[in-house]
C-alpha atoms as a PDB file:
ATOM      1  CA  MET A   1      64.546-126.074  17.859  1.00  0.00           C
ATOM      2  CA  LYS A   2      67.172-123.463  17.121  1.00  0.00           C
ATOM      3  CA  PRO A   3      70.798-124.404  17.858  1.00  0.00           C
ATOM      4  CA  HIS A   4      72.225-123.109  21.139  1.00  0.00           C
ATOM      5  CA  LEU A   5      74.684-120.274  20.607  1.00  0.00           C
ATOM      6  CA  LEU A   6      77.291-119.277  23.164  1.00  0.00           C
ATOM      7  CA  THR A   7      77.023-115.628  22.136  1.00  0.00           C
ATOM      8  CA  ASP A   8      74.038-113.343  21.592  1.00  0.00           C
ATOM      9  CA  TYR A   9      75.243-111.432  18.522  1.00  0.00           C
ATOM     10  CA  LYS A  10      72.850-108.546  19.086  1.00  0.00           C
ATOM     11  CA  THR A  11      74.138-107.715  22.532  1.00  0.00           C
ATOM     12  CA  LYS A  12      77.615-109.257  22.143  1.00  0.00           C
ATOM     13  CA  LYS A  13      77.176-110.733  25.630  1.00  0.00           C
ATOM     14  CA  PRO A  14      77.867-114.386  26.452  1.00  0.00           C
ATOM     15  CA  THR A  15      74.721-116.404  27.099  1.00  0.00           C
ATOM     16  CA  ASN A  16      74.416-118.710  30.082  1.00  0.00           C
ATOM     17  CA  MET A  17      75.189-122.388  29.690  1.00  0.00           C
ATOM     18  CA  ASN A  18      71.923-124.254  30.195  1.00  0.00           C
ATOM     19  CA  THR A  19      71.149-126.846  32.852  1.00  0.00           C
ATOM     20  CA  THR A  20      71.294-129.782  30.446  1.00  0.00           C
ATOM     21  CA  GLU A  21      74.770-128.810  29.250  1.00  0.00           C
ATOM     22  CA  LYS A  22      75.970-128.388  32.827  1.00  0.00           C
ATOM     23  CA  GLN A  23      74.611-131.814  33.742  1.00  0.00           C
ATOM     24  CA  ILE A  24      76.473-133.430  30.833  1.00  0.00           C
ATOM     25  CA  ILE A  25      79.671-131.786  32.086  1.00  0.00           C
ATOM     26  CA  VAL A  26      78.995-132.982  35.643  1.00  0.00           C
ATOM     27  CA  GLU A  27      78.456-136.574  34.501  1.00  0.00           C
ATOM     28  CA  GLU A  28      81.696-136.458  32.550  1.00  0.00           C
ATOM     29  CA  LEU A  29      83.535-135.059  35.580  1.00  0.00           C
ATOM     30  CA  LYS A  30      82.196-137.917  37.695  1.00  0.00           C
ATOM     31  CA  LEU A  31      83.284-140.464  35.097  1.00  0.00           C
ATOM     32  CA  GLN A  32      86.782-139.016  34.766  1.00  0.00           C
ATOM     33  CA  ALA A  33      87.225-138.640  38.534  1.00  0.00           C
ATOM     34  CA  LYS A  34      86.451-142.355  38.963  1.00  0.00           C
ATOM     35  CA  LEU A  35      89.143-143.256  36.442  1.00  0.00           C
ATOM     36  CA  THR A  36      91.774-141.201  38.288  1.00  0.00           C
ATOM     37  CA  SER A  37      90.919-138.867  41.194  1.00  0.00           C
ATOM     38  CA  GLN A  38      89.467-135.403  41.629  1.00  0.00           C
ATOM     39  CA  ASN A  39      92.915-133.973  42.317  1.00  0.00           C
ATOM     40  CA  LYS A  40      94.444-135.477  39.168  1.00  0.00           C
ATOM     41  CA  LEU A  41      91.412-134.403  37.168  1.00  0.00           C
ATOM     42  CA  ALA A  42      91.805-130.852  38.501  1.00  0.00           C
ATOM     43  CA  ALA A  43      95.438-130.775  37.352  1.00  0.00           C
ATOM     44  CA  LYS A  44      94.468-132.153  33.949  1.00  0.00           C
ATOM     45  CA  LEU A  45      91.713-129.567  33.441  1.00  0.00           C
ATOM     46  CA  ASN A  46      93.637-126.671  35.021  1.00  0.00           C
ATOM     47  CA  ILE A  47      90.671-126.062  37.353  1.00  0.00           C
ATOM     48  CA  SER A  48      90.902-126.084  41.144  1.00  0.00           C
ATOM     49  CA  SER A  49      89.954-129.267  42.960  1.00  0.00           C
ATOM     50  CA  ALA A  50      87.466-127.250  45.050  1.00  0.00           C
ATOM     51  CA  THR A  51      85.642-126.077  41.913  1.00  0.00           C
ATOM     52  CA  ILE A  52      85.557-129.633  40.517  1.00  0.00           C
ATOM     53  CA  SER A  53      84.073-130.794  43.821  1.00  0.00           C
ATOM     54  CA  GLN A  54      81.402-128.076  43.761  1.00  0.00           C
ATOM     55  CA  MET A  55      80.453-128.968  40.194  1.00  0.00           C
ATOM     56  CA  ILE A  56      80.137-132.660  41.017  1.00  0.00           C
ATOM     57  CA  ASN A  57      78.199-132.052  44.248  1.00  0.00           C
ATOM     58  CA  GLY A  58      75.675-129.689  42.679  1.00  0.00           C
ATOM     59  CA  ASN A  59      76.866-126.477  44.325  1.00  0.00           C
ATOM     60  CA  HIS A  60      76.619-124.399  41.156  1.00  0.00           C
ATOM     61  CA  ALA A  61      75.441-121.021  42.396  1.00  0.00           C
ATOM     62  CA  LEU A  62      78.877-119.395  42.552  1.00  0.00           C
ATOM     63  CA  ILE A  63      80.416-121.101  39.517  1.00  0.00           C
ATOM     64  CA  LYS A  64      80.668-118.695  36.593  1.00  0.00           C
ATOM     65  CA  ASN A  65      79.779-119.635  33.045  1.00  0.00           C
ATOM     66  CA  ASP A  66      83.330-119.137  31.831  1.00  0.00           C
ATOM     67  CA  MET A  67      84.430-121.879  34.236  1.00  0.00           C
ATOM     68  CA  TRP A  68      81.783-124.244  32.862  1.00  0.00           C
ATOM     69  CA  ARG A  69      82.971-123.481  29.355  1.00  0.00           C
ATOM     70  CA  LYS A  70      86.589-124.080  30.361  1.00  0.00           C
ATOM     71  CA  ALA A  71      85.611-127.441  31.869  1.00  0.00           C
ATOM     72  CA  LYS A  72      83.751-128.401  28.685  1.00  0.00           C
ATOM     73  CA  VAL A  73      86.676-127.542  26.417  1.00  0.00           C
ATOM     74  CA  ASN A  74      89.342-129.145  28.609  1.00  0.00           C
ATOM     75  CA  LEU A  75      87.222-132.277  28.975  1.00  0.00           C
ATOM     76  CA  ARG A  76      87.103-132.260  25.153  1.00  0.00           C
ATOM     77  CA  LEU A  77      83.326-132.604  25.253  1.00  0.00           C
ATOM     78  CA  ASP A  78      81.496-132.046  21.984  1.00  0.00           C
ATOM     79  CA  LEU A  79      77.926-131.364  23.088  1.00  0.00           C
ATOM     80  CA  GLY A  80      76.557-131.054  19.565  1.00  0.00           C
ATOM     81  CA  TRP A  81      77.847-134.305  18.088  1.00  0.00           C
ATOM     82  CA  LYS A  82      77.527-138.029  18.852  1.00  0.00           C
ATOM     83  CA  ILE A  83      80.350-140.465  18.145  1.00  0.00           C
ATOM     84  CA  ALA A  84      79.278-143.594  16.271  1.00  0.00           C
ATOM     85  CA  GLU A  85      81.083-146.390  18.086  1.00  0.00           C
ATOM     86  CA  ASN A  86      79.744-149.095  15.751  1.00  0.00           C
ATOM     87  CA  ILE A  87      81.646-148.019  12.633  1.00  0.00           C
ATOM     88  CA  SER A  88      84.414-150.264  11.319  1.00  0.00           C
ATOM     89  CA  ASN A  89      87.529-148.205  12.077  1.00  0.00           C
ATOM     90  CA  PHE A  90      86.331-147.255  15.567  1.00  0.00           C
ATOM     91  CA  ILE A  91      85.940-150.957  16.385  1.00  0.00           C
ATOM     92  CA  LYS A  92      89.292-151.932  14.839  1.00  0.00           C
ATOM     93  CA  ILE A  93      91.272-149.175  16.537  1.00  0.00           C
ATOM     94  CA  THR A  94      89.598-149.786  19.914  1.00  0.00           C
ATOM     95  CA  LYS A  95      90.429-153.512  19.818  1.00  0.00           C
ATOM     96  CA  THR A  96      94.005-152.664  18.877  1.00  0.00           C
ATOM     97  CA  LEU A  97      94.324-150.198  21.760  1.00  0.00           C
ATOM     98  CA  GLN A  98      93.022-152.837  24.164  1.00  0.00           C
ATOM     99  CA  ALA A  99      95.652-155.316  22.962  1.00  0.00           C
ATOM    100  CA  VAL A 100      98.433-152.722  23.147  1.00  0.00           C
ATOM    101  CA  GLN A 101      97.436-151.717  26.672  1.00  0.00           C
ATOM    102  CA  MET A 102      97.016-155.219  28.101  1.00  0.00           C
ATOM    103  CA  ARG A 103     100.210-156.602  26.509  1.00  0.00           C
ATOM    104  CA  SER A 104     102.397-153.478  26.861  1.00  0.00           C
ATOM    105  CA  LEU A 105     103.070-153.388  23.134  1.00  0.00           C
ATOM    106  CA  SER A 106     104.344-150.511  20.998  1.00  0.00           C
ATOM    107  CA  ILE A 107     102.870-149.661  17.582  1.00  0.00           C
ATOM    108  CA  GLY A 108     102.811-146.898  14.999  1.00  0.00           C
ATOM    109  CA  ILE A 109      99.671-145.716  13.221  1.00  0.00           C
ATOM    110  CA  SER A 110     100.086-143.498  10.169  1.00  0.00           C
ATOM    111  CA  GLU A 111      96.848-142.913   8.279  1.00  0.00           C
ATOM    112  CA  ASN A 112      94.977-140.210   6.387  1.00  0.00           C
ATOM    113  CA  ALA A 113      93.257-137.444   8.336  1.00  0.00           C
ATOM    114  CA  GLY A 114      89.523-137.744   8.844  1.00  0.00           C
ATOM    115  CA  ILE A 115      89.192-141.492   9.360  1.00  0.00           C
ATOM    116  CA  GLY A 116      88.400-141.214  13.067  1.00  0.00           C
ATOM    117  CA  LYS A 117      91.741-141.886  14.792  1.00  0.00           C
ATOM    118  CA  THR A 118      91.625-139.024  17.274  1.00  0.00           C
ATOM    119  CA  ALA A 119      87.901-139.437  18.008  1.00  0.00           C
ATOM    120  CA  THR A 120      88.526-143.091  18.846  1.00  0.00           C
ATOM    121  CA  TYR A 121      91.504-142.245  21.071  1.00  0.00           C
ATOM    122  CA  LYS A 122      89.415-139.686  22.957  1.00  0.00           C
ATOM    123  CA  GLN A 123      86.603-142.143  23.552  1.00  0.00           C
ATOM    124  CA  TYR A 124      89.064-144.803  24.659  1.00  0.00           C
ATOM    125  CA  ALA A 125      90.658-142.410  27.150  1.00  0.00           C
ATOM    126  CA  ARG A 126      87.184-141.556  28.466  1.00  0.00           C
ATOM    127  CA  LYS A 127      86.283-145.174  29.167  1.00  0.00           C
ATOM    128  CA  TYR A 128      89.433-146.960  30.268  1.00  0.00           C
ATOM    129  CA  LYS A 129      91.785-146.485  33.188  1.00  0.00           C
ATOM    130  CA  ASN A 130      95.416-145.451  32.965  1.00  0.00           C
ATOM    131  CA  VAL A 131      95.183-144.039  29.445  1.00  0.00           C
ATOM    132  CA  ILE A 132      97.378-141.024  28.676  1.00  0.00           C
ATOM    133  CA  HIS A 133      96.292-139.500  25.358  1.00  0.00           C
ATOM    134  CA  ILE A 134      98.109-136.382  24.225  1.00  0.00           C
ATOM    135  CA  GLU A 135      97.334-134.400  21.059  1.00  0.00           C
ATOM    136  CA  CYS A 136     100.577-132.801  19.893  1.00  0.00           C
ATOM    137  CA  LYS A 137     100.865-129.262  18.540  1.00  0.00           C
ATOM    138  CA  ASN A 138     103.188-127.724  15.956  1.00  0.00           C
ATOM    139  CA  TYR A 139     104.223-124.827  18.177  1.00  0.00           C
ATOM    140  CA  TRP A 140     105.309-126.862  21.193  1.00  0.00           C
ATOM    141  CA  SER A 141     108.836-126.577  22.489  1.00  0.00           C
ATOM    142  CA  LYS A 142     110.367-129.534  24.292  1.00  0.00           C
ATOM    143  CA  LYS A 143     109.344-128.015  27.648  1.00  0.00           C
ATOM    144  CA  SER A 144     105.780-127.414  26.389  1.00  0.00           C
ATOM    145  CA  TYR A 145     105.501-131.032  25.271  1.00  0.00           C
ATOM    146  CA  ILE A 146     106.700-132.343  28.624  1.00  0.00           C
ATOM    147  CA  LYS A 147     104.400-130.009  30.575  1.00  0.00           C
ATOM    148  CA  ASN A 148     101.396-131.017  28.497  1.00  0.00           C
ATOM    149  CA  ILE A 149     102.034-134.734  28.816  1.00  0.00           C
ATOM    150  CA  CYS A 150     102.360-134.261  32.585  1.00  0.00           C
ATOM    151  CA  ASN A 151      99.069-132.336  32.731  1.00  0.00           C
ATOM    152  CA  THR A 152      97.374-134.995  30.618  1.00  0.00           C
ATOM    153  CA  ALA A 153      98.482-137.564  33.188  1.00  0.00           C
ATOM    154  CA  GLY A 154      96.989-135.410  35.971  1.00  0.00           C
ATOM    155  CA  LEU A 155     100.302-134.100  37.295  1.00  0.00           C
ATOM    156  CA  GLU A 156     101.248-130.569  38.290  1.00  0.00           C
ATOM    157  CA  ALA A 157     103.762-129.375  35.711  1.00  0.00           C
ATOM    158  CA  TYR A 158     106.316-127.390  37.717  1.00  0.00           C
ATOM    159  CA  GLY A 159     110.083-127.725  37.523  1.00  0.00           C
ATOM    160  CA  THR A 160     112.827-128.292  35.014  1.00  0.00           C
ATOM    161  CA  CYS A 161     112.464-130.577  31.997  1.00  0.00           C
ATOM    162  CA  GLU A 162     114.415-133.286  33.806  1.00  0.00           C
ATOM    163  CA  GLU A 163     112.293-132.971  36.946  1.00  0.00           C
ATOM    164  CA  LEU A 164     109.067-133.139  34.932  1.00  0.00           C
ATOM    165  CA  ILE A 165     110.212-136.201  32.996  1.00  0.00           C
ATOM    166  CA  ASP A 166     111.233-137.951  36.207  1.00  0.00           C
ATOM    167  CA  ALA A 167     107.857-137.140  37.804  1.00  0.00           C
ATOM    168  CA  PHE A 168     106.014-138.364  34.728  1.00  0.00           C
ATOM    169  CA  LEU A 169     107.945-141.627  34.545  1.00  0.00           C
ATOM    170  CA  ASP A 170     107.504-142.242  38.280  1.00  0.00           C
ATOM    171  CA  HIS A 171     103.770-141.713  37.883  1.00  0.00           C
ATOM    172  CA  VAL A 172     103.441-144.075  34.906  1.00  0.00           C
ATOM    173  CA  LYS A 173     105.484-146.746  36.711  1.00  0.00           C
ATOM    174  CA  SER A 174     102.880-146.716  39.491  1.00  0.00           C
ATOM    175  CA  LEU A 175      99.975-147.423  37.100  1.00  0.00           C
ATOM    176  CA  GLU A 176      98.565-150.829  36.226  1.00  0.00           C
ATOM    177  CA  ASN A 177      98.722-151.590  32.489  1.00  0.00           C
ATOM    178  CA  PRO A 178      99.167-147.957  31.349  1.00  0.00           C
ATOM    179  CA  ILE A 179      99.074-146.880  27.715  1.00  0.00           C
ATOM    180  CA  ILE A 180     100.500-143.675  26.247  1.00  0.00           C
ATOM    181  CA  ILE A 181      98.908-142.500  22.987  1.00  0.00           C
ATOM    182  CA  ILE A 182     101.049-139.839  21.300  1.00  0.00           C
ATOM    183  CA  ASP A 183      98.550-138.469  18.796  1.00  0.00           C
ATOM    184  CA  GLN A 184      99.466-136.199  15.870  1.00  0.00           C
ATOM    185  CA  ALA A 185     103.093-137.112  16.481  1.00  0.00           C
ATOM    186  CA  ASP A 186     103.953-135.861  12.984  1.00  0.00           C
ATOM    187  CA  LYS A 187     103.682-132.336  14.443  1.00  0.00           C
ATOM    188  CA  LEU A 188     106.516-132.901  16.913  1.00  0.00           C
ATOM    189  CA  LYS A 189     110.008-131.599  16.231  1.00  0.00           C
ATOM    190  CA  ASP A 190     112.893-134.060  16.511  1.00  0.00           C
ATOM    191  CA  PRO A 191     113.869-133.269  20.152  1.00  0.00           C
ATOM    192  CA  GLN A 192     110.303-133.944  21.301  1.00  0.00           C
ATOM    193  CA  LEU A 193     109.934-137.030  19.118  1.00  0.00           C
ATOM    194  CA  ASP A 194     113.213-138.397  20.511  1.00  0.00           C
ATOM    195  CA  LEU A 195     111.635-138.511  23.981  1.00  0.00           C
ATOM    196  CA  PHE A 196     109.510-141.410  22.763  1.00  0.00           C
ATOM    197  CA  MET A 197     112.635-143.587  22.901  1.00  0.00           C
ATOM    198  CA  ASP A 198     113.443-142.487  26.453  1.00  0.00           C
ATOM    199  CA  PHE A 199     109.892-143.187  27.590  1.00  0.00           C
ATOM    200  CA  TYR A 200     109.929-146.549  25.838  1.00  0.00           C
ATOM    201  CA  ASN A 201     113.299-147.567  27.311  1.00  0.00           C
ATOM    202  CA  ASP A 202     112.343-146.622  30.867  1.00  0.00           C
ATOM    203  CA  LEU A 203     108.871-148.200  30.674  1.00  0.00           C
ATOM    204  CA  PHE A 204     109.642-151.254  28.523  1.00  0.00           C
ATOM    205  CA  GLY A 205     107.435-154.227  29.396  1.00  0.00           C
ATOM    206  CA  HIS A 206     105.265-152.084  31.667  1.00  0.00           C
ATOM    207  CA  CYS A 207     103.547-149.590  29.360  1.00  0.00           C
ATOM    208  CA  GLY A 208     101.882-149.720  25.949  1.00  0.00           C
ATOM    209  CA  PHE A 209     102.672-147.050  23.342  1.00  0.00           C
ATOM    210  CA  VAL A 210     100.877-145.754  20.264  1.00  0.00           C
ATOM    211  CA  LEU A 211     102.770-143.311  18.057  1.00  0.00           C
ATOM    212  CA  SER A 212     100.109-141.914  15.744  1.00  0.00           C
ATOM    213  CA  GLY A 213      99.802-139.378  12.966  1.00  0.00           C
ATOM    214  CA  VAL A 214      98.850-138.748   9.365  1.00  0.00           C
ATOM    215  CA  LYS A 215     100.638-140.335   6.391  1.00  0.00           C
ATOM    216  CA  ALA A 216     103.440-137.785   6.735  1.00  0.00           C
ATOM    217  CA  LEU A 217     104.551-139.530   9.948  1.00  0.00           C
ATOM    218  CA  GLU A 218     105.385-142.770   8.136  1.00  0.00           C
ATOM    219  CA  LYS A 219     107.128-140.899   5.307  1.00  0.00           C
ATOM    220  CA  ARG A 220     109.160-138.875   7.821  1.00  0.00           C
ATOM    221  CA  ILE A 221     110.318-141.889   9.817  1.00  0.00           C
ATOM    222  CA  LEU A 222     111.159-143.985   6.751  1.00  0.00           C
ATOM    223  CA  LYS A 223     113.076-141.074   5.251  1.00  0.00           C
ATOM    224  CA  GLY A 224     114.966-140.654   8.535  1.00  0.00           C
ATOM    225  CA  VAL A 225     115.826-144.354   8.544  1.00  0.00           C
ATOM    226  CA  GLN A 226     117.032-144.266   4.923  1.00  0.00           C
ATOM    227  CA  LYS A 227     119.243-141.249   5.643  1.00  0.00           C
ATOM    228  CA  ASP A 228     120.463-142.839   8.892  1.00  0.00           C
ATOM    229  CA  LYS A 229     119.277-139.762  10.769  1.00  0.00           C
ATOM    230  CA  ILE A 230     119.974-139.866  14.496  1.00  0.00           C
ATOM    231  CA  GLY A 231     117.159-141.521  16.446  1.00  0.00           C
ATOM    232  CA  TYR A 232     115.023-142.669  13.548  1.00  0.00           C
ATOM    233  CA  ARG A 233     116.246-146.260  13.347  1.00  0.00           C
ATOM    234  CA  GLU A 234     115.598-146.548  17.078  1.00  0.00           C
ATOM    235  CA  ILE A 235     112.041-145.230  16.720  1.00  0.00           C
ATOM    236  CA  TRP A 236     111.426-147.548  13.764  1.00  0.00           C
ATOM    237  CA  SER A 237     112.684-150.536  15.742  1.00  0.00           C
ATOM    238  CA  ARG A 238     110.563-149.718  18.777  1.00  0.00           C
ATOM    239  CA  ILE A 239     107.311-149.712  16.781  1.00  0.00           C
ATOM    240  CA  GLY A 240     108.152-153.097  15.306  1.00  0.00           C
ATOM    241  CA  SER A 241     109.645-151.803  12.035  1.00  0.00           C
ATOM    242  CA  LYS A 242     106.183-151.374  10.533  1.00  0.00           C
ATOM    243  CA  PHE A 243     103.020-149.326  10.843  1.00  0.00           C
ATOM    244  CA  TYR A 244      99.606-150.712  11.741  1.00  0.00           C
ATOM    245  CA  ASP A 245      97.810-151.446   8.477  1.00  0.00           C
ATOM    246  CA  GLN A 246      94.367-152.688   9.493  1.00  0.00           C
ATOM    247  CA  ILE A 247      92.508-149.373   9.094  1.00  0.00           C
ATOM    248  CA  GLY A 248      90.215-149.384   6.076  1.00  0.00           C
ATOM    249  CA  GLU A 249      88.192-146.929   4.053  1.00  0.00           C
ATOM    250  CA  THR A 250      85.066-145.334   5.506  1.00  0.00           C
ATOM    251  CA  THR A 251      82.152-147.351   4.122  1.00  0.00           C
ATOM    252  CA  LEU A 252      78.598-146.405   3.205  1.00  0.00           C
ATOM    253  CA  ALA A 253      77.446-148.367   6.279  1.00  0.00           C
ATOM    254  CA  ASP A 254      79.777-146.240   8.427  1.00  0.00           C
ATOM    255  CA  VAL A 255      78.417-142.987   6.997  1.00  0.00           C
ATOM    256  CA  LYS A 256      74.865-144.260   7.468  1.00  0.00           C
ATOM    257  CA  ALA A 257      75.551-145.039  11.137  1.00  0.00           C
ATOM    258  CA  ILE A 258      77.092-141.592  11.712  1.00  0.00           C
ATOM    259  CA  CYS A 259      74.275-139.750   9.938  1.00  0.00           C
ATOM    260  CA  GLU A 260      71.427-141.599  11.645  1.00  0.00           C
ATOM    261  CA  LEU A 261      72.974-141.182  15.089  1.00  0.00           C
ATOM    262  CA  ASN A 262      73.136-137.425  14.469  1.00  0.00           C
ATOM    263  CA  GLY A 263      69.622-136.936  13.139  1.00  0.00           C
ATOM    264  CA  VAL A 264      69.893-137.513   9.375  1.00  0.00           C
ATOM    265  CA  ASP A 265      67.997-140.595   8.181  1.00  0.00           C
ATOM    266  CA  ASP A 266      67.082-139.765   4.578  1.00  0.00           C
ATOM    267  CA  GLN A 267      68.762-142.545   2.574  1.00  0.00           C
ATOM    268  CA  GLU A 268      69.285-140.470  -0.576  1.00  0.00           C
ATOM    269  CA  MET A 269      70.925-137.736   1.464  1.00  0.00           C
ATOM    270  CA  ILE A 270      73.116-140.304   3.226  1.00  0.00           C
ATOM    271  CA  SER A 271      74.275-141.671  -0.144  1.00  0.00           C
ATOM    272  CA  TYR A 272      75.002-138.127  -1.306  1.00  0.00           C
ATOM    273  CA  ILE A 273      77.051-137.404   1.830  1.00  0.00           C
ATOM    274  CA  PHE A 274      78.983-140.656   1.363  1.00  0.00           C
ATOM    275  CA  ASN A 275      79.817-139.804  -2.241  1.00  0.00           C
ATOM    276  CA  ILE A 276      81.103-136.294  -1.556  1.00  0.00           C
ATOM    277  CA  SER A 277      82.903-137.021   1.720  1.00  0.00           C
ATOM    278  CA  GLU A 278      85.674-139.102   0.112  1.00  0.00           C
ATOM    279  CA  GLY A 279      86.033-141.172   3.267  1.00  0.00           C
ATOM    280  CA  ASP A 280      86.638-138.122   5.470  1.00  0.00           C
ATOM    281  CA  ILE A 281      84.444-138.239   8.584  1.00  0.00           C
ATOM    282  CA  ARG A 282      85.001-134.510   9.146  1.00  0.00           C
ATOM    283  CA  LYS A 283      83.359-133.839   5.780  1.00  0.00           C
ATOM    284  CA  VAL A 284      80.486-136.142   6.799  1.00  0.00           C
ATOM    285  CA  ARG A 285      79.999-134.096   9.949  1.00  0.00           C
ATOM    286  CA  LYS A 286      80.070-130.828   8.023  1.00  0.00           C
ATOM    287  CA  GLU A 287      77.292-132.004   5.710  1.00  0.00           C
ATOM    288  CA  VAL A 288      75.197-133.396   8.569  1.00  0.00           C
ATOM    289  CA  GLU A 289      75.496-130.111  10.444  1.00  0.00           C
ATOM    290  CA  LYS A 290      74.406-128.191   7.349  1.00  0.00           C
ATOM    291  CA  ILE A 291      71.288-130.344   7.123  1.00  0.00           C
ATOM    292  CA  ASN A 292      70.501-130.004  10.817  1.00  0.00           C
ATOM    293  CA  MET A 293      70.953-126.220  10.646  1.00  0.00           C
ATOM    294  CA  ARG A 294      68.468-126.029   7.785  1.00  0.00           C
ATOM    295  CA  LYS A 295      66.010-128.132   9.813  1.00  0.00           C
ATOM    296  CA  ALA A 296      66.385-125.814  12.777  1.00  0.00           C
ATOM    297  CA  ALA A 297      65.973-122.607  10.785  1.00  0.00           C
END
C-alpha cells in the first residue's frame, strides 16, 4: 500500500483526510476531553469548542480538512509511527514521572537528544490527568512562554504577563497532584527560565516539576552556579542539586521493539539499524521509514 500523502503533487491540491485518520483524531479528542474538559481542550488546540463537539459527535459534514489537520498537529498525533512503550528508557522515565507527580517532587533531566525523552513526556500527558507538558522554543519571548504554558493548561491566554501568570497559578492550585514538565528548557532565555523558581515557590508541596533538556542544560546551569549568576543557584537547589541519572543507552532490544512495532522484523536489518543509529531513536525511525517506503513502492 502506498503511503498517504497530504498533497497531490500533480495538481498541487490538498487531498482529503481519510475516514480512518479522522477516527483516530476523534478517539484522541475523546481521550483528552475526559482528562480535562472540551472547553479546556478547545483552548489548548486553538479550535472552537463547538467544532470539537461536532468532531466528537460525528457531525463531520461541515468540518473542513484544514481543521482536521490543525487538530492532528495540535494534538501532536503522529499517524505514521507507533511509540514502543516497552523500551527501557520509556519505562524508566514514566516511572519517574509517576513518582514526581504523586509526591510533588522537582527534578532535572539533562540527556542527549534522541533517547526518547519528549516522546515519553507526550505519551504520559496523553494518559494521565493534570499533566502540563510544554515544549519550549528558541524564539519565545517571556510573554510567548507564558501564553503557551497557559494554552497547554487549557486556559485562554489574554492579558498582561502578570495576569496570565496569576491565572495559570490559580488553575494549577485547583488541580489534584499536578505535574509541570518544562521540556527543552535549554532553549529558554534567562527571564523565561527564571519563572521556574516563581512557579516552584508558589506551588511548593502541591505540584511536581520536571526541568528537562539536552546535555547543554546541565552545562548551562552548572556554569551559572560556578559564576554565581543570578538565579542559577536557586534553580540548582530546587532540582535537588543534581540531575536525574537513571537514563541509559538505547539497547539492541529497544531497537528491535521499535522496529517490529513499526513493521520491520528482519533481524539482520534490525542489527544494522542498531549499529548505525548510535543510540538515537530518531535515526532508528529514519531507517525504518526508508525500509517501509521501499516496501510500499
